C-alpha atoms as a PDB file:
ATOM      1  CA  UNK A   1      74.442 108.480 121.711  1.00  0.00           C
ATOM      2  CA  UNK A   2      78.221 108.757 120.476  1.00  0.00           C
ATOM      3  CA  UNK A   3      79.470 111.760 119.238  1.00  0.00           C
ATOM      4  CA  UNK A   4      79.994 110.827 115.589  1.00  0.00           C
ATOM      5  CA  UNK A   5      82.531 113.744 115.263  1.00  0.00           C
ATOM      6  CA  UNK A   6      84.930 111.858 117.368  1.00  0.00           C
ATOM      7  CA  UNK A   7      84.544 108.527 115.792  1.00  0.00           C
ATOM      8  CA  UNK A   8      86.270 107.480 112.675  1.00  0.00           C
ATOM      9  CA  UNK A   9      84.920 106.770 109.523  1.00  0.00           C
ATOM     10  CA  UNK A  10      84.029 103.221 109.928  1.00  0.00           C
ATOM     11  CA  UNK A  11      82.604 103.587 113.143  1.00  0.00           C
ATOM     12  CA  UNK A  12      80.245 106.357 111.983  1.00  0.00           C
ATOM     13  CA  UNK A  13      79.369 104.054 109.045  1.00  0.00           C
ATOM     14  CA  UNK A  14      78.925 101.372 111.760  1.00  0.00           C
ATOM     15  CA  UNK A  15      76.208 103.467 113.722  1.00  0.00           C
ATOM     16  CA  UNK A  16      73.876 103.219 110.593  1.00  0.00           C
ATOM     17  CA  UNK A  17      74.910 100.003 108.394  1.00  0.00           C
ATOM     18  CA  UNK A  18      76.777  96.591 109.053  1.00  0.00           C
ATOM     19  CA  UNK A  19      80.122  97.103 108.328  1.00  0.00           C
ATOM     20  CA  UNK A  20      81.522  95.436 105.495  1.00  0.00           C
ATOM     21  CA  UNK A  21      84.001  92.721 106.997  1.00  0.00           C
ATOM     22  CA  UNK A  22      87.018  93.620 104.795  1.00  0.00           C
ATOM     23  CA  UNK A  23      86.964  97.478 104.333  1.00  0.00           C
ATOM     24  CA  UNK A  24      84.301  98.608 107.369  1.00  0.00           C
ATOM     25  CA  UNK A  25      86.386  96.851 110.490  1.00  0.00           C
ATOM     26  CA  UNK A  26      89.265  98.296 111.880  1.00  0.00           C
ATOM     27  CA  UNK A  27      92.346  95.863 112.148  1.00  0.00           C
ATOM     28  CA  UNK A  28      92.707  97.327 115.941  1.00  0.00           C
ATOM     29  CA  UNK A  29      94.994  99.722 117.297  1.00  0.00           C
ATOM     30  CA  UNK A  30      97.618  97.128 118.797  1.00  0.00           C
ATOM     31  CA  UNK A  31      98.232  96.045 115.217  1.00  0.00           C
ATOM     32  CA  UNK A  32     100.303  93.618 114.695  1.00  0.00           C
ATOM     33  CA  UNK A  33     100.876  92.447 117.966  1.00  0.00           C
ATOM     34  CA  UNK A  34      96.911  91.973 118.221  1.00  0.00           C
ATOM     35  CA  UNK A  35      94.693  91.880 115.457  1.00  0.00           C
ATOM     36  CA  UNK A  36      90.949  91.809 114.924  1.00  0.00           C
ATOM     37  CA  UNK A  37      90.126  88.654 112.797  1.00  0.00           C
ATOM     38  CA  UNK A  38      86.610  88.398 110.936  1.00  0.00           C
ATOM     39  CA  UNK A  39      86.220  84.719 111.052  1.00  0.00           C
ATOM     40  CA  UNK A  40      84.532  82.906 107.734  1.00  0.00           C
ATOM     41  CA  UNK A  41      84.604  79.403 108.718  1.00  0.00           C
ATOM     42  CA  UNK A  42      84.952  77.080 111.680  1.00  0.00           C
ATOM     43  CA  UNK A  43      86.445  73.395 112.185  1.00  0.00           C
ATOM     44  CA  UNK A  44      82.601  71.929 111.710  1.00  0.00           C
ATOM     45  CA  UNK A  45      82.400  73.358 108.458  1.00  0.00           C
ATOM     46  CA  UNK A  46      81.749  70.908 105.704  1.00  0.00           C
ATOM     47  CA  UNK A  47      80.859  73.704 103.414  1.00  0.00           C
ATOM     48  CA  UNK A  48      84.054  76.521 102.738  1.00  0.00           C
ATOM     49  CA  UNK A  49      82.138  80.035 102.985  1.00  0.00           C
ATOM     50  CA  UNK A  50      83.934  83.293 102.338  1.00  0.00           C
ATOM     51  CA  UNK A  51      82.579  86.842 102.547  1.00  0.00           C
ATOM     52  CA  UNK A  52      81.758  88.568  98.948  1.00  0.00           C
ATOM     53  CA  UNK A  53      84.245  91.153  98.209  1.00  0.00           C
ATOM     54  CA  UNK A  54      81.275  93.124  96.847  1.00  0.00           C
ATOM     55  CA  UNK A  55      78.780  92.960  99.259  1.00  0.00           C
ATOM     56  CA  UNK A  56      80.214  91.798 102.690  1.00  0.00           C
ATOM     57  CA  UNK A  57      78.032  88.932 103.090  1.00  0.00           C
ATOM     58  CA  UNK A  58      78.869  85.451 103.405  1.00  0.00           C
ATOM     59  CA  UNK A  59      78.476  83.500 100.865  1.00  0.00           C
ATOM     60  CA  UNK A  60      79.366  79.804 100.104  1.00  0.00           C
ATOM     61  CA  UNK A  61      82.207  78.981  98.098  1.00  0.00           C
ATOM     62  CA  UNK A  62      81.992  75.557  97.623  1.00  0.00           C
ATOM     63  CA  UNK A  63      81.184  72.190  99.442  1.00  0.00           C
ATOM     64  CA  UNK A  64      84.365  70.345 101.005  1.00  0.00           C
ATOM     65  CA  UNK A  65      84.840  67.678  98.542  1.00  0.00           C
ATOM     66  CA  UNK A  66      86.550  65.284 100.755  1.00  0.00           C
ATOM     67  CA  UNK A  67      86.854  64.645 104.641  1.00  0.00           C
ATOM     68  CA  UNK A  68      89.284  67.030 105.250  1.00  0.00           C
ATOM     69  CA  UNK A  69      87.735  70.287 107.633  1.00  0.00           C
ATOM     70  CA  UNK A  70      89.527  73.226 109.053  1.00  0.00           C
ATOM     71  CA  UNK A  71      91.539  72.643 112.183  1.00  0.00           C
ATOM     72  CA  UNK A  72      90.578  76.167 113.654  1.00  0.00           C
ATOM     73  CA  UNK A  73      89.217  78.918 112.963  1.00  0.00           C
ATOM     74  CA  UNK A  74      89.564  80.587 109.657  1.00  0.00           C
ATOM     75  CA  UNK A  75      89.241  83.793 108.102  1.00  0.00           C
ATOM     76  CA  UNK A  76      90.452  86.945 107.215  1.00  0.00           C
ATOM     77  CA  UNK A  77      92.700  90.432 108.761  1.00  0.00           C
ATOM     78  CA  UNK A  78      90.352  93.227 108.203  1.00  0.00           C
ATOM     79  CA  UNK A  79      92.100  95.852 105.836  1.00  0.00           C
ATOM     80  CA  UNK A  80      94.695  93.711 104.804  1.00  0.00           C
ATOM     81  CA  UNK A  81      95.430  93.108 101.059  1.00  0.00           C
ATOM     82  CA  UNK A  82      97.857  90.466  99.452  1.00  0.00           C
ATOM     83  CA  UNK A  83      99.324  92.128  96.662  1.00  0.00           C
ATOM     84  CA  UNK A  84     102.876  93.857  95.446  1.00  0.00           C
ATOM     85  CA  UNK A  85     104.624  94.079  98.954  1.00  0.00           C
ATOM     86  CA  UNK A  86     103.362  90.652 100.081  1.00  0.00           C
ATOM     87  CA  UNK A  87     104.355  89.095  96.891  1.00  0.00           C
ATOM     88  CA  UNK A  88     108.002  91.122  96.864  1.00  0.00           C
ATOM     89  CA  UNK A  89     108.652  89.575 100.353  1.00  0.00           C
ATOM     90  CA  UNK A  90     107.521  86.048  99.108  1.00  0.00           C
ATOM     91  CA  UNK A  91     110.033  86.198  96.080  1.00  0.00           C
ATOM     92  CA  UNK A  92     112.803  87.862  98.562  1.00  0.00           C
ATOM     93  CA  UNK A  93     112.222  84.735 101.320  1.00  0.00           C
ATOM     94  CA  UNK A  94     111.977  82.107  98.274  1.00  0.00           C
ATOM     95  CA  UNK A  95     114.407  83.081  95.571  1.00  0.00           C
ATOM     96  CA  UNK A  96     111.555  82.798  93.393  1.00  0.00           C
ATOM     97  CA  UNK A  97     110.423  85.298  90.041  1.00  0.00           C
ATOM     98  CA  UNK A  98     107.156  85.866  89.009  1.00  0.00           C
ATOM     99  CA  UNK A  99     105.318  85.782  91.886  1.00  0.00           C
ATOM    100  CA  UNK A 100     101.969  87.887  92.754  1.00  0.00           C
ATOM    101  CA  UNK A 101      99.577  88.435  95.296  1.00  0.00           C
ATOM    102  CA  UNK A 102      96.465  86.586  95.170  1.00  0.00           C
ATOM    103  CA  UNK A 103      93.944  89.683  95.368  1.00  0.00           C
ATOM    104  CA  UNK A 104      92.545  88.697  98.489  1.00  0.00           C
ATOM    105  CA  UNK A 105      92.861  89.905 102.306  1.00  0.00           C
ATOM    106  CA  UNK A 106      95.817  88.177 104.147  1.00  0.00           C
ATOM    107  CA  UNK A 107      94.146  85.218 106.033  1.00  0.00           C
ATOM    108  CA  UNK A 108      94.539  83.967 109.313  1.00  0.00           C
ATOM    109  CA  UNK A 109      94.018  80.915 111.483  1.00  0.00           C
ATOM    110  CA  UNK A 110      93.218  81.397 114.804  1.00  0.00           C
ATOM    111  CA  UNK A 111      93.612  78.595 117.833  1.00  0.00           C
ATOM    112  CA  UNK A 112      91.303  78.188 120.232  1.00  0.00           C
ATOM    113  CA  UNK A 113      90.450  75.527 122.883  1.00  0.00           C
ATOM    114  CA  UNK A 114      86.698  76.967 122.772  1.00  0.00           C
ATOM    115  CA  UNK A 115      84.407  75.413 120.071  1.00  0.00           C
ATOM    116  CA  UNK A 116      82.533  78.003 118.354  1.00  0.00           C
ATOM    117  CA  UNK A 117      79.809  77.145 116.322  1.00  0.00           C
ATOM    118  CA  UNK A 118      79.706  79.437 113.212  1.00  0.00           C
ATOM    119  CA  UNK A 119      81.401  82.087 111.672  1.00  0.00           C
ATOM    120  CA  UNK A 120      80.526  85.435 110.282  1.00  0.00           C
ATOM    121  CA  UNK A 121      82.255  87.060 113.634  1.00  0.00           C
ATOM    122  CA  UNK A 122      84.973  89.210 114.853  1.00  0.00           C
ATOM    123  CA  UNK A 123      87.615  87.840 117.555  1.00  0.00           C
ATOM    124  CA  UNK A 124      90.703  89.328 118.709  1.00  0.00           C
ATOM    125  CA  UNK A 125      93.956  87.661 117.927  1.00  0.00           C
ATOM    126  CA  UNK A 126      98.017  87.258 118.871  1.00  0.00           C
ATOM    127  CA  UNK A 127      99.618  86.390 115.542  1.00  0.00           C
ATOM    128  CA  UNK A 128     102.535  83.932 116.258  1.00  0.00           C
ATOM    129  CA  UNK A 129     103.581  82.564 113.330  1.00  0.00           C
ATOM    130  CA  UNK A 130     102.467  81.651 109.497  1.00  0.00           C
ATOM    131  CA  UNK A 131     102.640  79.253 106.458  1.00  0.00           C
ATOM    132  CA  UNK A 132     104.215  80.856 103.384  1.00  0.00           C
ATOM    133  CA  UNK A 133     101.647  79.490 101.027  1.00  0.00           C
ATOM    134  CA  UNK A 134     102.458  79.644  97.039  1.00  0.00           C
ATOM    135  CA  UNK A 135      98.979  78.558  94.923  1.00  0.00           C
ATOM    136  CA  UNK A 136     100.252  78.334  91.468  1.00  0.00           C
ATOM    137  CA  UNK A 137     101.998  81.578  90.850  1.00  0.00           C
ATOM    138  CA  UNK A 138     100.158  83.654  93.854  1.00  0.00           C
ATOM    139  CA  UNK A 139     101.429  84.757  97.240  1.00  0.00           C
ATOM    140  CA  UNK A 140      98.746  83.168  99.390  1.00  0.00           C
ATOM    141  CA  UNK A 141     100.347  83.668 103.202  1.00  0.00           C
ATOM    142  CA  UNK A 142      98.428  82.029 105.671  1.00  0.00           C
ATOM    143  CA  UNK A 143      98.853  83.835 109.379  1.00  0.00           C
ATOM    144  CA  UNK A 144      98.623  81.221 112.382  1.00  0.00           C
ATOM    145  CA  UNK A 145      97.140  83.021 115.723  1.00  0.00           C
ATOM    146  CA  UNK A 146      96.053  82.705 119.029  1.00  0.00           C
ATOM    147  CA  UNK A 147      92.903  83.860 120.767  1.00  0.00           C
ATOM    148  CA  UNK A 148      93.069  86.872 122.978  1.00  0.00           C
ATOM    149  CA  UNK A 149      92.481  85.310 126.615  1.00  0.00           C
ATOM    150  CA  UNK A 150      92.144  81.843 125.408  1.00  0.00           C
ATOM    151  CA  UNK A 151      93.087  79.829 128.354  1.00  0.00           C
ATOM    152  CA  UNK A 152      95.239  77.034 126.389  1.00  0.00           C
ATOM    153  CA  UNK A 153      96.506  79.057 123.793  1.00  0.00           C
ATOM    154  CA  UNK A 154      96.498  82.483 124.678  1.00  0.00           C
ATOM    155  CA  UNK A 155      99.955  82.546 126.358  1.00  0.00           C
ATOM    156  CA  UNK A 156     101.858  81.618 123.236  1.00  0.00           C
ATOM    157  CA  UNK A 157     103.623  84.360 121.602  1.00  0.00           C
ATOM    158  CA  UNK A 158     105.536  82.599 119.147  1.00  0.00           C
ATOM    159  CA  UNK A 159     105.406  79.814 116.903  1.00  0.00           C
ATOM    160  CA  UNK A 160     107.952  77.999 118.969  1.00  0.00           C
ATOM    161  CA  UNK A 161     105.223  77.628 121.771  1.00  0.00           C
ATOM    162  CA  UNK A 162     103.427  75.764 119.356  1.00  0.00           C
ATOM    163  CA  UNK A 163     103.591  71.731 119.654  1.00  0.00           C
ATOM    164  CA  UNK A 164     104.610  70.646 116.047  1.00  0.00           C
ATOM    165  CA  UNK A 165     101.486  68.430 115.700  1.00  0.00           C
ATOM    166  CA  UNK A 166      99.471  71.321 115.509  1.00  0.00           C
ATOM    167  CA  UNK A 167     101.633  72.630 113.115  1.00  0.00           C
ATOM    168  CA  UNK A 168     101.644  69.661 110.648  1.00  0.00           C
ATOM    169  CA  UNK A 169      97.702  69.572 110.873  1.00  0.00           C
ATOM    170  CA  UNK A 170      97.573  73.395 109.419  1.00  0.00           C
ATOM    171  CA  UNK A 171     100.024  72.294 106.732  1.00  0.00           C
ATOM    172  CA  UNK A 172      98.188  69.259 105.606  1.00  0.00           C
ATOM    173  CA  UNK A 173      94.988  71.011 105.527  1.00  0.00           C
ATOM    174  CA  UNK A 174      96.177  73.614 103.283  1.00  0.00           C
ATOM    175  CA  UNK A 175      98.057  70.930 101.118  1.00  0.00           C
ATOM    176  CA  UNK A 176      95.253  68.911 100.291  1.00  0.00           C
ATOM    177  CA  UNK A 177      91.885  70.571 100.505  1.00  0.00           C
ATOM    178  CA  UNK A 178      91.631  71.780  96.831  1.00  0.00           C
ATOM    179  CA  UNK A 179      92.732  68.404  95.677  1.00  0.00           C
ATOM    180  CA  UNK A 180      91.971  64.583  95.339  1.00  0.00           C
ATOM    181  CA  UNK A 181      93.607  62.105  97.215  1.00  0.00           C
ATOM    182  CA  UNK A 182      95.142  60.982  93.950  1.00  0.00           C
ATOM    183  CA  UNK A 183      96.180  64.169  92.624  1.00  0.00           C
ATOM    184  CA  UNK A 184      99.250  63.489  90.552  1.00  0.00           C
ATOM    185  CA  UNK A 185     100.645  67.250  91.443  1.00  0.00           C
ATOM    186  CA  UNK A 186      99.649  69.476  94.169  1.00  0.00           C
ATOM    187  CA  UNK A 187      98.308  73.016  93.289  1.00  0.00           C
ATOM    188  CA  UNK A 188      99.432  74.341  96.374  1.00  0.00           C
ATOM    189  CA  UNK A 189     102.823  74.581  98.302  1.00  0.00           C
ATOM    190  CA  UNK A 190     104.124  75.492 101.425  1.00  0.00           C
ATOM    191  CA  UNK A 191     107.549  77.219 100.836  1.00  0.00           C
ATOM    192  CA  UNK A 192     108.683  78.308 104.379  1.00  0.00           C
ATOM    193  CA  UNK A 193     107.033  78.201 107.903  1.00  0.00           C
ATOM    194  CA  UNK A 194     107.671  81.317 109.921  1.00  0.00           C
ATOM    195  CA  UNK A 195     107.412  82.871 113.245  1.00  0.00           C
ATOM    196  CA  UNK A 196     105.946  86.030 115.285  1.00  0.00           C
ATOM    197  CA  UNK A 197     108.318  88.290 113.592  1.00  0.00           C
ATOM    198  CA  UNK A 198     108.130  87.674 110.094  1.00  0.00           C
ATOM    199  CA  UNK A 199     104.258  87.145 110.560  1.00  0.00           C
ATOM    200  CA  UNK A 200     104.156  90.890 111.794  1.00  0.00           C
ATOM    201  CA  UNK A 201     106.290  91.749 108.661  1.00  0.00           C
ATOM    202  CA  UNK A 202     103.415  90.222 106.307  1.00  0.00           C
ATOM    203  CA  UNK A 203     100.828  91.881 107.999  1.00  0.00           C
ATOM    204  CA  UNK A 204     102.754  95.099 107.923  1.00  0.00           C
ATOM    205  CA  UNK A 205     102.905  94.520 104.266  1.00  0.00           C
ATOM    206  CA  UNK A 206      99.584  93.189 103.345  1.00  0.00           C
ATOM    207  CA  UNK A 207      98.534  96.746 105.098  1.00  0.00           C
ATOM    208  CA  UNK A 208     100.317  98.815 102.667  1.00  0.00           C
ATOM    209  CA  UNK A 209      99.308  97.001  99.937  1.00  0.00           C
ATOM    210  CA  UNK A 210      95.568  97.857 100.684  1.00  0.00           C
ATOM    211  CA  UNK A 211      96.405 101.571 101.568  1.00  0.00           C
ATOM    212  CA  UNK A 212      97.910 101.456  98.307  1.00  0.00           C
ATOM    213  CA  UNK A 213      94.723  99.666  96.581  1.00  0.00           C
ATOM    214  CA  UNK A 214      92.166 101.656  97.924  1.00  0.00           C
ATOM    215  CA  UNK A 215      93.859 104.661  99.080  1.00  0.00           C
ATOM    216  CA  UNK A 216      90.750 106.793  97.932  1.00  0.00           C
ATOM    217  CA  UNK A 217      87.804 104.781  99.368  1.00  0.00           C
ATOM    218  CA  UNK A 218      87.532 106.864 102.327  1.00  0.00           C
ATOM    219  CA  UNK A 219      88.108 109.701 100.282  1.00  0.00           C
ATOM    220  CA  UNK A 220      85.052 109.128  98.200  1.00  0.00           C
ATOM    221  CA  UNK A 221      82.936 108.034 101.694  1.00  0.00           C
ATOM    222  CA  UNK A 222      83.758 111.250 103.263  1.00  0.00           C
ATOM    223  CA  UNK A 223      82.650 113.073  99.586  1.00  0.00           C
ATOM    224  CA  UNK A 224      79.348 110.940 100.127  1.00  0.00           C
ATOM    225  CA  UNK A 225      78.789 112.076 103.168  1.00  0.00           C
ATOM    226  CA  UNK A 226      79.199 115.863 103.103  1.00  0.00           C
ATOM    227  CA  UNK A 227      77.030 115.984  99.948  1.00  0.00           C
END
């Protein structure tokens, strides 16, 4: 049996309970070059699933109203948050004012040649770039990554390695997945497409935002386990 004294807190909790995908799963020791991604939806899903932020279970967010489906594995990076630092970078890069973080974990799209039949899984992925998406006045960045060890995409290390058609497919999905085809005004916009270095910057900022918001979480858990 594992020596619980040598495990990080989430490792100890994982021996007893299923870990919360946002708070209880580690981003990984090689972040930001390689991160753990929790996958919520896959390309065959006709329903948009997402985690319930309070209990960690995968829930139905909404049925997809139109024919577009997500063109990659899609989910979140554990122990990240889009808040002040993420919003500040968005304003810096776009010369906008009044942007706030959307209050969710950092989203990630993971490219792989393999057909994966369902979400609620963890994968290791290498961030290669991203989309700086703004939803109303909220920063809602999408990190683009490749699955570790993937035979077709796994050697890519920057968005410049990715064919433009794949990037356009991702952009089209995120620009249209909330709106009817005849919507006069799009609710979201993609202000920038960025490469690996900026993806690493955004992951680091989202980790800073997470630590600032949830600094007392592990202290409370430690106290509870010692009482």
